[in-house]
Amino acid sequence: MERKEFVCIGCPLGCNVTVEAEGKEIKSITGNTCPRGADYVTKELTDPRRIVTSLVRVKGGELPVVSVKTAADIPKGEIGECVKVLKEVELEAPVCIGDVVVENVCGTGVNIIATKNIEKV
């Protein structure tokens, strides 16, 4: 049986959670003080996902870049490809919070959205 240790990020407590598993089958989860700990660890073992944040170039704006993020979490294995896609993006000012910058990034079904307003100069 394999034993793994995690620090839960499901809530501010940051519990030390221990998982015992055989292959992909979870046998026990201990150390979490709320249900979010078990959910977090289960997802981390079976389908790890992350929110991606980055910057994208802006042409003709008051700032040369705008902050962006995925509208939801994406599979951890797609992060590198997502960042490569974002390196190629250049927007025209103005940019508004919530604007879709990239639709369905890397076939994940998740959009990249702007998180800041950039006015045109």
N, C-alpha and C. Protein backbone atom coordinates (compact mmCIF):
# COMPACT_ATOMS: atom_id res chain seq x y z
N MET A 1 0.85 -1.18 0.00
CA MET A 1 0.00 0.00 0.00
C MET A 1 0.90 1.24 0.00
N GLU A 2 0.54 2.18 -0.82
CA GLU A 2 1.31 3.43 -0.94
C GLU A 2 0.70 4.50 -0.03
N ARG A 3 1.57 5.28 0.58
CA ARG A 3 1.13 6.34 1.50
C ARG A 3 1.64 7.68 0.97
N LYS A 4 0.74 8.68 0.84
CA LYS A 4 1.12 10.01 0.36
C LYS A 4 0.64 11.06 1.35
N GLU A 5 1.43 12.13 1.46
CA GLU A 5 1.11 13.24 2.34
C GLU A 5 0.78 14.47 1.49
N PHE A 6 -0.25 15.21 1.91
CA PHE A 6 -0.66 16.43 1.23
C PHE A 6 -0.90 17.53 2.26
N VAL A 7 -0.73 18.76 1.84
CA VAL A 7 -1.21 19.90 2.61
C VAL A 7 -2.43 20.40 1.85
N CYS A 8 -3.57 20.31 2.49
CA CYS A 8 -4.82 20.66 1.84
C CYS A 8 -4.90 22.16 1.59
N ILE A 9 -5.38 22.54 0.41
CA ILE A 9 -5.61 23.94 0.06
C ILE A 9 -7.10 24.24 -0.11
N GLY A 10 -7.95 23.33 0.36
CA GLY A 10 -9.39 23.48 0.22
C GLY A 10 -9.99 24.57 1.08
N CYS A 11 -9.34 24.89 2.20
CA CYS A 11 -9.80 25.96 3.09
C CYS A 11 -8.57 26.54 3.80
N PRO A 12 -8.72 27.60 4.56
CA PRO A 12 -7.57 28.25 5.18
C PRO A 12 -6.84 27.44 6.26
N LEU A 13 -7.39 26.31 6.71
CA LEU A 13 -6.75 25.54 7.78
C LEU A 13 -5.43 24.89 7.35
N GLY A 14 -5.31 24.48 6.10
CA GLY A 14 -4.07 23.87 5.62
C GLY A 14 -3.74 22.56 6.32
N CYS A 15 -4.70 21.67 6.44
CA CYS A 15 -4.51 20.40 7.14
C CYS A 15 -3.47 19.52 6.45
N ASN A 16 -2.75 18.75 7.25
CA ASN A 16 -1.85 17.72 6.74
C ASN A 16 -2.69 16.46 6.56
N VAL A 17 -2.90 16.08 5.30
CA VAL A 17 -3.77 14.97 4.98
C VAL A 17 -2.93 13.80 4.49
N THR A 18 -3.21 12.61 4.99
CA THR A 18 -2.51 11.39 4.60
C THR A 18 -3.48 10.50 3.84
N VAL A 19 -2.99 9.96 2.73
CA VAL A 19 -3.79 9.06 1.90
C VAL A 19 -3.06 7.74 1.79
N GLU A 20 -3.81 6.68 1.95
CA GLU A 20 -3.29 5.35 1.68
C GLU A 20 -4.06 4.80 0.50
N ALA A 21 -3.31 4.32 -0.51
CA ALA A 21 -3.94 3.85 -1.73
C ALA A 21 -3.21 2.63 -2.28
N GLU A 22 -3.96 1.82 -3.00
CA GLU A 22 -3.39 0.72 -3.76
C GLU A 22 -3.69 1.02 -5.22
N GLY A 23 -2.64 1.35 -5.96
CA GLY A 23 -2.83 1.79 -7.34
C GLY A 23 -3.63 3.08 -7.35
N LYS A 24 -4.75 3.07 -8.06
CA LYS A 24 -5.61 4.27 -8.10
C LYS A 24 -6.76 4.19 -7.10
N GLU A 25 -6.83 3.10 -6.36
CA GLU A 25 -7.92 2.93 -5.40
C GLU A 25 -7.51 3.49 -4.03
N ILE A 26 -8.26 4.49 -3.57
CA ILE A 26 -7.99 5.12 -2.28
C ILE A 26 -8.58 4.24 -1.18
N LYS A 27 -7.73 3.84 -0.23
CA LYS A 27 -8.17 3.00 0.89
C LYS A 27 -8.58 3.84 2.10
N SER A 28 -7.80 4.92 2.38
CA SER A 28 -8.16 5.77 3.52
C SER A 28 -7.59 7.17 3.34
N ILE A 29 -8.31 8.13 3.92
CA ILE A 29 -7.88 9.53 3.96
C ILE A 29 -8.02 9.98 5.40
N THR A 30 -6.92 10.47 5.98
CA THR A 30 -6.95 10.92 7.37
C THR A 30 -6.25 12.27 7.51
N GLY A 31 -6.58 12.98 8.57
CA GLY A 31 -5.93 14.25 8.87
C GLY A 31 -6.72 15.47 8.47
N ASN A 32 -7.73 15.31 7.64
CA ASN A 32 -8.54 16.46 7.23
C ASN A 32 -9.57 16.77 8.31
N THR A 33 -9.76 18.06 8.57
CA THR A 33 -10.73 18.46 9.59
C THR A 33 -12.08 18.86 8.99
N CYS A 34 -12.14 18.95 7.67
CA CYS A 34 -13.42 19.23 7.01
C CYS A 34 -13.53 18.38 5.75
N PRO A 35 -14.72 18.23 5.19
CA PRO A 35 -14.90 17.40 4.00
C PRO A 35 -14.11 17.87 2.79
N ARG A 36 -13.77 19.16 2.74
CA ARG A 36 -13.03 19.68 1.59
C ARG A 36 -11.66 19.01 1.45
N GLY A 37 -11.08 18.60 2.58
CA GLY A 37 -9.77 17.94 2.54
C GLY A 37 -9.83 16.64 1.78
N ALA A 38 -10.84 15.83 2.05
CA ALA A 38 -11.00 14.56 1.34
C ALA A 38 -11.28 14.81 -0.15
N ASP A 39 -12.11 15.80 -0.44
CA ASP A 39 -12.40 16.13 -1.85
C ASP A 39 -11.13 16.57 -2.58
N TYR A 40 -10.36 17.47 -1.94
CA TYR A 40 -9.14 17.98 -2.56
C TYR A 40 -8.17 16.83 -2.87
N VAL A 41 -7.92 15.98 -1.90
CA VAL A 41 -6.96 14.90 -2.08
C VAL A 41 -7.44 13.90 -3.14
N THR A 42 -8.73 13.59 -3.13
CA THR A 42 -9.27 12.67 -4.13
C THR A 42 -9.07 13.23 -5.53
N LYS A 43 -9.40 14.51 -5.72
CA LYS A 43 -9.20 15.14 -7.02
C LYS A 43 -7.73 15.20 -7.40
N GLU A 44 -6.88 15.49 -6.43
CA GLU A 44 -5.44 15.60 -6.70
C GLU A 44 -4.86 14.26 -7.16
N LEU A 45 -5.38 13.18 -6.65
CA LEU A 45 -4.90 11.85 -7.03
C LEU A 45 -5.51 11.34 -8.33
N THR A 46 -6.76 11.71 -8.60
CA THR A 46 -7.45 11.15 -9.76
C THR A 46 -7.49 12.07 -10.97
N ASP A 47 -7.60 13.38 -10.75
CA ASP A 47 -7.71 14.33 -11.86
C ASP A 47 -7.21 15.71 -11.40
N PRO A 48 -5.88 15.85 -11.23
CA PRO A 48 -5.36 17.14 -10.75
C PRO A 48 -5.63 18.27 -11.75
N ARG A 49 -6.13 19.39 -11.22
CA ARG A 49 -6.48 20.55 -12.05
C ARG A 49 -5.97 21.81 -11.39
N ARG A 50 -5.77 22.86 -12.20
CA ARG A 50 -5.28 24.13 -11.69
C ARG A 50 -5.90 25.28 -12.48
N ILE A 51 -6.02 26.43 -11.80
CA ILE A 51 -6.33 27.69 -12.47
C ILE A 51 -4.99 28.21 -13.01
N VAL A 52 -4.98 28.70 -14.22
CA VAL A 52 -3.75 29.27 -14.81
C VAL A 52 -3.91 30.78 -14.87
N THR A 53 -2.91 31.50 -14.38
CA THR A 53 -2.88 32.96 -14.50
C THR A 53 -1.64 33.35 -15.28
N SER A 54 -1.75 34.40 -16.07
CA SER A 54 -0.62 34.83 -16.88
C SER A 54 -0.84 36.27 -17.35
N LEU A 55 0.02 36.70 -18.25
CA LEU A 55 -0.09 38.02 -18.89
C LEU A 55 -0.13 37.82 -20.39
N VAL A 56 -0.84 38.72 -21.08
CA VAL A 56 -0.94 38.70 -22.54
C VAL A 56 -0.61 40.10 -23.03
N ARG A 57 0.11 40.18 -24.16
CA ARG A 57 0.47 41.47 -24.74
C ARG A 57 -0.76 42.23 -25.24
N VAL A 58 -0.69 43.56 -25.11
CA VAL A 58 -1.77 44.43 -25.58
C VAL A 58 -1.15 45.50 -26.47
N LYS A 59 -1.70 45.65 -27.67
CA LYS A 59 -1.23 46.67 -28.62
C LYS A 59 -2.13 47.90 -28.51
N GLY A 60 -1.50 49.08 -28.39
CA GLY A 60 -2.26 50.33 -28.37
C GLY A 60 -2.96 50.63 -27.06
N GLY A 61 -2.47 50.03 -25.98
CA GLY A 61 -3.11 50.24 -24.70
C GLY A 61 -2.30 51.09 -23.75
N GLU A 62 -2.92 51.51 -22.66
CA GLU A 62 -2.23 52.30 -21.64
C GLU A 62 -1.15 51.48 -20.93
N LEU A 63 -1.28 50.17 -20.98
CA LEU A 63 -0.27 49.25 -20.46
C LEU A 63 0.08 48.25 -21.56
N PRO A 64 1.29 47.72 -21.55
CA PRO A 64 1.70 46.80 -22.63
C PRO A 64 1.17 45.37 -22.46
N VAL A 65 0.64 45.05 -21.27
CA VAL A 65 0.12 43.70 -21.02
C VAL A 65 -1.16 43.78 -20.19
N VAL A 66 -1.92 42.68 -20.23
CA VAL A 66 -3.12 42.55 -19.39
C VAL A 66 -3.04 41.20 -18.68
N SER A 67 -3.50 41.17 -17.45
CA SER A 67 -3.55 39.91 -16.71
C SER A 67 -4.75 39.09 -17.19
N VAL A 68 -4.54 37.78 -17.27
CA VAL A 68 -5.57 36.86 -17.72
C VAL A 68 -5.57 35.62 -16.82
N LYS A 69 -6.66 34.86 -16.88
CA LYS A 69 -6.72 33.59 -16.14
C LYS A 69 -7.72 32.67 -16.82
N THR A 70 -7.61 31.39 -16.49
CA THR A 70 -8.62 30.46 -16.98
C THR A 70 -9.91 30.71 -16.20
N ALA A 71 -11.03 30.59 -16.87
CA ALA A 71 -12.32 30.83 -16.23
C ALA A 71 -12.67 29.71 -15.25
N ALA A 72 -12.01 28.58 -15.37
CA ALA A 72 -12.17 27.44 -14.46
C ALA A 72 -10.84 26.68 -14.45
N ASP A 73 -10.74 25.69 -13.59
CA ASP A 73 -9.50 24.94 -13.57
C ASP A 73 -9.40 24.01 -14.78
N ILE A 74 -8.17 23.75 -15.20
CA ILE A 74 -7.91 22.87 -16.34
C ILE A 74 -7.03 21.73 -15.86
N PRO A 75 -6.98 20.62 -16.62
CA PRO A 75 -6.11 19.52 -16.23
C PRO A 75 -4.65 19.99 -16.09
N LYS A 76 -4.01 19.53 -15.04
CA LYS A 76 -2.64 19.95 -14.74
C LYS A 76 -1.71 19.67 -15.92
N GLY A 77 -1.95 18.59 -16.64
CA GLY A 77 -1.11 18.23 -17.78
C GLY A 77 -1.22 19.18 -18.96
N GLU A 78 -2.22 20.04 -18.98
CA GLU A 78 -2.42 20.98 -20.09
C GLU A 78 -1.82 22.36 -19.81
N ILE A 79 -1.26 22.58 -18.62
CA ILE A 79 -0.76 23.90 -18.25
C ILE A 79 0.33 24.38 -19.20
N GLY A 80 1.30 23.54 -19.49
CA GLY A 80 2.41 23.94 -20.38
C GLY A 80 1.91 24.35 -21.75
N GLU A 81 1.00 23.59 -22.32
CA GLU A 81 0.46 23.91 -23.64
C GLU A 81 -0.37 25.20 -23.58
N CYS A 82 -1.10 25.38 -22.49
CA CYS A 82 -1.89 26.60 -22.30
C CYS A 82 -0.98 27.83 -22.30
N VAL A 83 0.13 27.75 -21.58
CA VAL A 83 1.08 28.88 -21.52
C VAL A 83 1.67 29.15 -22.90
N LYS A 84 1.96 28.10 -23.67
CA LYS A 84 2.47 28.29 -25.04
C LYS A 84 1.47 29.04 -25.90
N VAL A 85 0.20 28.69 -25.76
CA VAL A 85 -0.86 29.38 -26.52
C VAL A 85 -0.89 30.85 -26.13
N LEU A 86 -0.81 31.14 -24.84
CA LEU A 86 -0.89 32.54 -24.37
C LEU A 86 0.30 33.37 -24.84
N LYS A 87 1.46 32.76 -25.03
CA LYS A 87 2.64 33.49 -25.51
C LYS A 87 2.42 34.06 -26.90
N GLU A 88 1.54 33.45 -27.67
CA GLU A 88 1.29 33.88 -29.05
C GLU A 88 0.16 34.90 -29.17
N VAL A 89 -0.53 35.18 -28.09
CA VAL A 89 -1.70 36.07 -28.13
C VAL A 89 -1.28 37.53 -27.99
N GLU A 90 -1.83 38.39 -28.85
CA GLU A 90 -1.68 39.83 -28.71
C GLU A 90 -3.04 40.46 -28.95
N LEU A 91 -3.51 41.22 -27.98
CA LEU A 91 -4.82 41.85 -28.06
C LEU A 91 -4.70 43.29 -28.51
N GLU A 92 -5.80 43.83 -29.02
CA GLU A 92 -5.91 45.26 -29.35
C GLU A 92 -6.67 45.93 -28.22
N ALA A 93 -6.17 47.06 -27.76
CA ALA A 93 -6.89 47.83 -26.73
C ALA A 93 -8.13 48.43 -27.38
N PRO A 94 -9.20 48.65 -26.66
CA PRO A 94 -9.37 48.44 -25.23
C PRO A 94 -9.68 46.98 -24.89
N VAL A 95 -9.33 46.59 -23.66
CA VAL A 95 -9.63 45.27 -23.13
C VAL A 95 -10.43 45.48 -21.85
N CYS A 96 -11.48 44.69 -21.67
CA CYS A 96 -12.33 44.82 -20.48
C CYS A 96 -12.29 43.54 -19.65
N ILE A 97 -12.43 43.72 -18.36
CA ILE A 97 -12.49 42.56 -17.46
C ILE A 97 -13.58 41.62 -17.95
N GLY A 98 -13.25 40.35 -18.04
CA GLY A 98 -14.23 39.35 -18.47
C GLY A 98 -14.20 39.05 -19.95
N ASP A 99 -13.50 39.89 -20.75
CA ASP A 99 -13.38 39.60 -22.18
C ASP A 99 -12.75 38.22 -22.37
N VAL A 100 -13.29 37.44 -23.30
CA VAL A 100 -12.70 36.14 -23.62
C VAL A 100 -11.49 36.39 -24.52
N VAL A 101 -10.34 35.95 -24.05
CA VAL A 101 -9.08 36.14 -24.75
C VAL A 101 -8.79 34.94 -25.65
N VAL A 102 -9.03 33.75 -25.14
CA VAL A 102 -8.89 32.50 -25.91
C VAL A 102 -10.08 31.62 -25.55
N GLU A 103 -10.80 31.16 -26.57
CA GLU A 103 -11.91 30.24 -26.33
C GLU A 103 -11.40 28.82 -26.28
N ASN A 104 -11.96 28.02 -25.39
CA ASN A 104 -11.70 26.58 -25.33
C ASN A 104 -10.20 26.27 -25.41
N VAL A 105 -9.43 26.85 -24.52
CA VAL A 105 -7.97 26.70 -24.56
C VAL A 105 -7.58 25.22 -24.52
N CYS A 106 -6.78 24.81 -25.46
CA CYS A 106 -6.24 23.45 -25.56
C CYS A 106 -7.32 22.37 -25.55
N GLY A 107 -8.51 22.71 -26.03
CA GLY A 107 -9.60 21.74 -26.08
C GLY A 107 -10.15 21.34 -24.73
N THR A 108 -9.92 22.17 -23.71
CA THR A 108 -10.37 21.85 -22.35
C THR A 108 -11.82 22.25 -22.10
N GLY A 109 -12.40 23.06 -23.00
CA GLY A 109 -13.74 23.58 -22.77
C GLY A 109 -13.74 24.81 -21.87
N VAL A 110 -12.54 25.29 -21.50
CA VAL A 110 -12.39 26.43 -20.60
C VAL A 110 -11.83 27.62 -21.38
N ASN A 111 -12.42 28.79 -21.16
CA ASN A 111 -11.94 30.02 -21.80
C ASN A 111 -10.89 30.71 -20.94
N ILE A 112 -10.02 31.47 -21.61
CA ILE A 112 -9.11 32.39 -20.92
C ILE A 112 -9.78 33.75 -20.94
N ILE A 113 -9.85 34.41 -19.78
CA ILE A 113 -10.52 35.71 -19.70
C ILE A 113 -9.57 36.78 -19.15
N ALA A 114 -9.83 38.02 -19.54
CA ALA A 114 -9.07 39.16 -19.02
C ALA A 114 -9.52 39.46 -17.61
N THR A 115 -8.56 39.87 -16.76
CA THR A 115 -8.88 40.17 -15.37
C THR A 115 -8.59 41.63 -15.02
N LYS A 116 -8.39 42.46 -16.05
CA LYS A 116 -8.11 43.87 -15.83
C LYS A 116 -8.61 44.66 -17.04
N ASN A 117 -8.99 45.91 -16.81
CA ASN A 117 -9.35 46.81 -17.91
C ASN A 117 -8.09 47.49 -18.41
N ILE A 118 -7.94 47.55 -19.73
CA ILE A 118 -6.83 48.29 -20.36
C ILE A 118 -7.47 49.27 -21.37
N GLU A 119 -7.29 50.55 -21.10
CA GLU A 119 -7.84 51.57 -21.99
C GLU A 119 -6.95 51.76 -23.22
N LYS A 120 -7.57 52.22 -24.29
CA LYS A 120 -6.84 52.54 -25.52
C LYS A 120 -6.19 53.91 -25.37
N VAL A 121 -4.97 54.05 -25.91
CA VAL A 121 -4.30 55.37 -25.89
C VAL A 121 -4.26 55.94 -27.28
